[in-house]
Amino acid sequence: MGSYNWNWPILLKEPYFGWIVSGFGKTILIAVFAWAIAFPLGSAIGIARTADNRALRLAGTVYVDIFRNIPLLVQMFLWYFVVPELLPADWGRWVKRDMPYPQFITAVACLGLYTASRVGEQVRSGIEAIPRGQRDAGLAMGLTPTQVYRYVLIPVAYRTIIPPLTSDFLGVFKNSSLALTIGVLELTSQARQIEEYTFAAFEAFTVATVLYCLVTGLVIVIMRIVESRTRIAGTIAVGAQ
């Protein structure tokens, strides 16, 4: 290691600098779009798992059990290589080849649906951590079950599960690296490509590591500020692991 000749300037040359910028941008976009799917869908699943309706609880449980127990890498392959083959021929061809940015969209959908199962568990645990008396008090005041969720349970639950939700978002950001397995040129993929062209493996992956750390550090700082300003006195954060 001591005799290794570092060649940092090569990363500032084209096309390598452009590859890093492009890969980093795609990593951010994958994480943001996947979270845009995971958060609302996961919230709906978490709410369904605490509902009085047995069918809703069962549907939420089945979704979580399926998506949480299949490795994400396997899901990525299933969505990209298997699902199109199960569709009618024209649909499958469109999904796999004719759809704009098929690898990117597949990666976003896969990450979003997988993470939704984790978000659903966080929301469920947050709602179930609220004393039953608050739900009963809302019903006693004349609120409908839907209004109790909207005005009482969900606002309190979200404020108590900010830490685990932060962890789940960071998980989406880091798991985006698996998109390289289906051909998405995100940050890790571009670092590998730079290594193949220049043999500057340490430099390329060091820059990628620093960028990952910068984003995760920034998100953690922001969410700690949000948590401190929304914390409910006398409560502690909860969340499923």
Protein backbone atom coordinates (compact mmCIF):
# COMPACT_ATOMS: atom_id res chain seq x y z
CA MET A 1 0.00 0.00 0.00
CA GLY A 2 2.89 2.32 0.77
CA SER A 3 4.27 1.95 -2.78
CA TYR A 4 0.95 2.70 -4.48
CA ASN A 5 1.15 5.68 -6.83
CA TRP A 6 -1.96 7.74 -6.24
CA ASN A 7 -3.28 9.46 -9.36
CA TRP A 8 -6.00 11.82 -8.16
CA PRO A 9 -5.79 14.23 -11.14
CA ILE A 10 -7.09 11.53 -13.48
CA LEU A 11 -10.51 11.79 -11.87
CA LEU A 12 -10.73 15.45 -12.97
CA LYS A 13 -10.22 14.52 -16.61
CA GLU A 14 -12.98 13.73 -19.04
CA PRO A 15 -14.79 11.47 -19.37
CA TYR A 16 -14.04 10.24 -15.83
CA PHE A 17 -15.18 13.36 -14.00
CA GLY A 18 -18.39 13.34 -16.02
CA TRP A 19 -18.94 9.69 -15.14
CA ILE A 20 -18.69 10.44 -11.44
CA VAL A 21 -21.09 13.39 -11.70
CA SER A 22 -23.54 11.38 -13.80
CA GLY A 23 -23.37 8.36 -11.49
CA PHE A 24 -23.85 10.47 -8.38
CA GLY A 25 -26.83 12.21 -9.96
CA LYS A 26 -28.47 8.90 -10.85
CA THR A 27 -27.88 7.60 -7.34
CA ILE A 28 -29.65 10.64 -5.88
CA LEU A 29 -32.53 10.35 -8.36
CA ILE A 30 -33.01 6.64 -7.67
CA ALA A 31 -33.11 7.26 -3.92
CA VAL A 32 -35.52 10.23 -4.16
CA PHE A 33 -37.94 8.59 -6.60
CA ALA A 34 -37.88 5.28 -4.73
CA TRP A 35 -38.64 7.09 -1.47
CA ALA A 36 -41.51 8.91 -3.21
CA ILE A 37 -43.00 5.45 -3.77
CA ALA A 38 -41.99 3.90 -0.45
CA PHE A 39 -43.23 6.57 1.95
CA PRO A 40 -46.89 6.92 0.87
CA LEU A 41 -47.27 3.22 0.05
CA GLY A 42 -45.56 2.18 3.28
CA SER A 43 -47.74 4.57 5.25
CA ALA A 44 -50.86 3.02 3.74
CA ILE A 45 -49.57 -0.47 4.55
CA GLY A 46 -48.74 0.49 8.13
CA ILE A 47 -52.18 1.99 8.63
CA ALA A 48 -53.82 -1.08 7.09
CA ARG A 49 -51.96 -3.34 9.53
CA THR A 50 -53.50 -1.48 12.48
CA ALA A 51 -57.02 -1.17 11.07
CA ASP A 52 -60.01 -2.97 12.55
CA ASN A 53 -60.82 -4.46 9.14
CA ARG A 54 -59.37 -7.97 9.08
CA ALA A 55 -58.97 -8.03 5.27
CA LEU A 56 -56.87 -4.86 5.35
CA ARG A 57 -54.67 -6.24 8.12
CA LEU A 58 -54.17 -9.48 6.19
CA ALA A 59 -53.30 -7.66 2.96
CA GLY A 60 -50.77 -5.48 4.76
CA THR A 61 -49.21 -8.46 6.52
CA VAL A 62 -48.89 -10.47 3.30
CA TYR A 63 -47.23 -7.55 1.52
CA VAL A 64 -44.70 -7.02 4.31
CA ASP A 65 -43.92 -10.72 4.66
CA ILE A 66 -43.29 -11.13 0.94
CA PHE A 67 -41.19 -8.04 0.27
CA ARG A 68 -39.17 -8.10 3.49
CA ASN A 69 -38.25 -11.78 3.26
CA ILE A 70 -36.97 -11.85 -0.33
CA PRO A 71 -33.42 -10.48 -0.69
CA LEU A 72 -33.38 -7.15 -2.49
CA LEU A 73 -30.89 -8.36 -5.10
CA VAL A 74 -33.21 -11.25 -5.97
CA GLN A 75 -36.12 -8.84 -6.26
CA MET A 76 -34.08 -6.64 -8.60
CA PHE A 77 -33.45 -9.59 -10.90
CA LEU A 78 -37.08 -10.73 -10.70
CA TRP A 79 -38.45 -7.33 -11.66
CA TYR A 80 -36.07 -6.85 -14.56
CA PHE A 81 -35.61 -10.36 -16.00
CA VAL A 82 -38.64 -12.40 -14.88
CA VAL A 83 -41.68 -10.10 -14.61
CA PRO A 84 -41.50 -8.93 -18.27
CA GLU A 85 -41.52 -12.58 -19.38
CA LEU A 86 -44.74 -13.19 -17.45
CA LEU A 87 -46.55 -10.36 -19.22
CA PRO A 88 -48.12 -10.57 -22.67
CA ALA A 89 -45.41 -10.44 -25.35
CA ASP A 90 -46.02 -6.82 -26.40
CA TRP A 91 -46.18 -5.58 -22.81
CA GLY A 92 -43.08 -7.51 -21.80
CA ARG A 93 -41.12 -6.15 -24.75
CA TRP A 94 -42.20 -2.61 -23.90
CA VAL A 95 -41.28 -2.97 -20.22
CA LYS A 96 -37.86 -4.44 -20.91
CA ARG A 97 -36.77 -2.57 -24.04
CA ASP A 98 -39.16 0.07 -25.38
CA MET A 99 -40.04 1.80 -22.10
CA PRO A 100 -37.93 4.94 -21.53
CA TYR A 101 -34.97 4.17 -19.23
CA PRO A 102 -36.16 0.62 -18.42
CA GLN A 103 -33.27 -0.22 -16.06
CA PHE A 104 -33.64 3.03 -14.14
CA ILE A 105 -37.41 2.74 -13.77
CA THR A 106 -37.15 -0.92 -12.77
CA ALA A 107 -34.57 -0.07 -10.09
CA VAL A 108 -36.75 2.74 -8.72
CA ALA A 109 -39.87 0.56 -8.63
CA CYS A 110 -38.04 -2.36 -7.01
CA LEU A 111 -36.40 -0.21 -4.32
CA GLY A 112 -39.62 1.68 -3.68
CA LEU A 113 -41.76 -1.43 -3.25
CA TYR A 114 -39.16 -3.15 -1.09
CA THR A 115 -38.65 -0.14 1.17
CA ALA A 116 -42.40 0.36 1.48
CA SER A 117 -42.54 -2.89 3.45
CA ARG A 118 -40.02 -1.48 5.93
CA VAL A 119 -41.78 1.87 6.16
CA GLY A 120 -45.04 0.03 6.75
CA GLU A 121 -43.54 -1.71 9.76
CA GLN A 122 -42.26 1.60 11.15
CA VAL A 123 -45.67 3.24 10.76
CA ARG A 124 -47.40 0.23 12.32
CA SER A 125 -45.08 0.23 15.31
CA GLY A 126 -45.51 3.99 15.71
CA ILE A 127 -49.29 3.73 15.75
CA GLU A 128 -49.31 0.74 18.09
CA ALA A 129 -47.00 2.56 20.49
CA ILE A 130 -49.67 5.20 21.06
CA PRO A 131 -51.75 4.40 24.16
CA ARG A 132 -55.13 2.90 23.32
CA GLY A 133 -56.74 5.63 25.37
CA GLN A 134 -55.98 8.26 22.75
CA ARG A 135 -57.89 6.32 20.10
CA ASP A 136 -60.79 5.74 22.49
CA ALA A 137 -60.83 9.41 23.49
CA GLY A 138 -61.06 10.46 19.86
CA LEU A 139 -63.95 8.09 19.24
CA ALA A 140 -65.66 9.29 22.42
CA MET A 141 -65.45 12.87 21.13
CA GLY A 142 -67.44 11.86 18.07
CA LEU A 143 -64.60 11.44 15.59
CA THR A 144 -64.92 8.71 12.98
CA PRO A 145 -62.19 6.04 12.83
CA THR A 146 -60.78 7.77 9.74
CA GLN A 147 -60.67 11.10 11.57
CA VAL A 148 -58.98 9.47 14.56
CA TYR A 149 -56.21 8.24 12.27
CA ARG A 150 -55.95 11.55 10.46
CA TYR A 151 -55.98 13.92 13.42
CA VAL A 152 -54.71 11.82 16.33
CA LEU A 153 -52.79 8.65 15.52
CA ILE A 154 -50.87 9.41 12.33
CA PRO A 155 -49.47 12.84 13.35
CA VAL A 156 -48.23 11.42 16.65
CA ALA A 157 -46.87 8.24 15.05
CA TYR A 158 -44.84 10.11 12.44
CA ARG A 159 -43.23 12.28 15.09
CA THR A 160 -42.09 9.25 17.06
CA ILE A 161 -40.67 7.25 14.14
CA ILE A 162 -38.47 9.91 12.55
CA PRO A 163 -35.21 8.08 13.48
CA PRO A 164 -36.17 4.72 11.91
CA LEU A 165 -37.63 6.49 8.86
CA THR A 166 -34.31 8.29 8.48
CA SER A 167 -32.56 4.93 8.59
CA ASP A 168 -34.90 3.58 5.92
CA PHE A 169 -34.22 6.54 3.62
CA LEU A 170 -30.49 6.05 4.04
CA GLY A 171 -31.08 2.37 3.26
CA VAL A 172 -32.69 3.36 -0.05
CA PHE A 173 -29.73 5.59 -0.85
CA LYS A 174 -27.18 2.87 -0.11
CA ASN A 175 -29.19 0.06 -1.69
CA SER A 176 -29.31 2.03 -4.94
CA SER A 177 -25.87 0.55 -5.63
CA LEU A 178 -27.60 -2.77 -6.41
CA ALA A 179 -29.06 -1.11 -9.51
CA LEU A 180 -25.71 -1.71 -11.21
CA THR A 181 -26.65 -5.42 -11.45
CA ILE A 182 -29.31 -4.59 -14.06
CA GLY A 183 -27.23 -2.05 -15.93
CA VAL A 184 -27.91 1.29 -14.24
CA LEU A 185 -24.78 3.45 -14.35
CA GLU A 186 -25.10 4.85 -10.83
CA LEU A 187 -22.20 5.92 -8.60
CA THR A 188 -20.79 2.49 -7.73
CA SER A 189 -21.12 1.32 -11.33
CA GLN A 190 -19.28 4.38 -12.61
CA ALA A 191 -16.52 3.86 -10.04
CA ARG A 192 -16.08 0.32 -11.33
CA GLN A 193 -16.03 1.59 -14.90
CA ILE A 194 -13.31 4.11 -14.05
CA GLU A 195 -11.33 1.30 -12.43
CA GLU A 196 -11.57 -0.79 -15.59
CA TYR A 197 -10.43 2.06 -17.85
CA THR A 198 -7.70 3.59 -15.68
CA PHE A 199 -6.82 0.99 -13.01
CA ALA A 200 -7.29 3.85 -10.49
CA ALA A 201 -9.44 1.67 -8.24
CA PHE A 202 -8.49 3.27 -4.93
CA GLU A 203 -9.09 6.79 -6.22
CA ALA A 204 -12.44 6.00 -7.84
CA PHE A 205 -13.88 4.10 -4.90
CA THR A 206 -12.50 6.60 -2.39
CA VAL A 207 -14.38 9.39 -4.14
CA ALA A 208 -17.53 7.25 -4.26
CA THR A 209 -17.20 6.48 -0.55
CA VAL A 210 -16.75 10.15 0.31
CA LEU A 211 -19.84 11.11 -1.70
CA TYR A 212 -21.93 8.41 0.01
CA CYS A 213 -20.71 9.61 3.41
CA LEU A 214 -21.41 13.26 2.62
CA VAL A 215 -25.01 12.56 1.62
CA THR A 216 -25.74 10.27 4.55
CA GLY A 217 -24.14 12.73 6.97
CA LEU A 218 -26.18 15.62 5.57
CA VAL A 219 -29.43 13.64 5.81
CA ILE A 220 -28.67 12.62 9.40
CA VAL A 221 -27.97 16.22 10.44
CA ILE A 222 -31.15 17.51 8.80
CA MET A 223 -33.33 14.78 10.30
CA ARG A 224 -31.87 15.31 13.78
CA ILE A 225 -32.91 18.94 13.53
CA VAL A 226 -36.38 17.88 12.39
CA GLU A 227 -36.59 15.33 15.20
CA SER A 228 -35.58 17.87 17.85
CA ARG A 229 -38.25 20.31 16.66
CA THR A 230 -41.06 17.76 16.42
CA ARG A 231 -40.28 15.60 19.45
CA ILE A 232 -43.21 15.09 21.78
CA ALA A 233 -42.27 15.72 25.39
CA GLY A 234 -42.23 12.56 27.48
CA THR A 235 -41.99 10.15 24.54
CA ILE A 236 -39.16 8.21 22.96
CA ALA A 237 -38.63 7.24 19.36
CA VAL A 238 -39.84 3.82 18.32
CA GLY A 239 -39.49 1.73 15.22
CA ALA A 240 -39.30 -1.78 13.87
CA GLN A 241 -35.89 -3.08 12.97
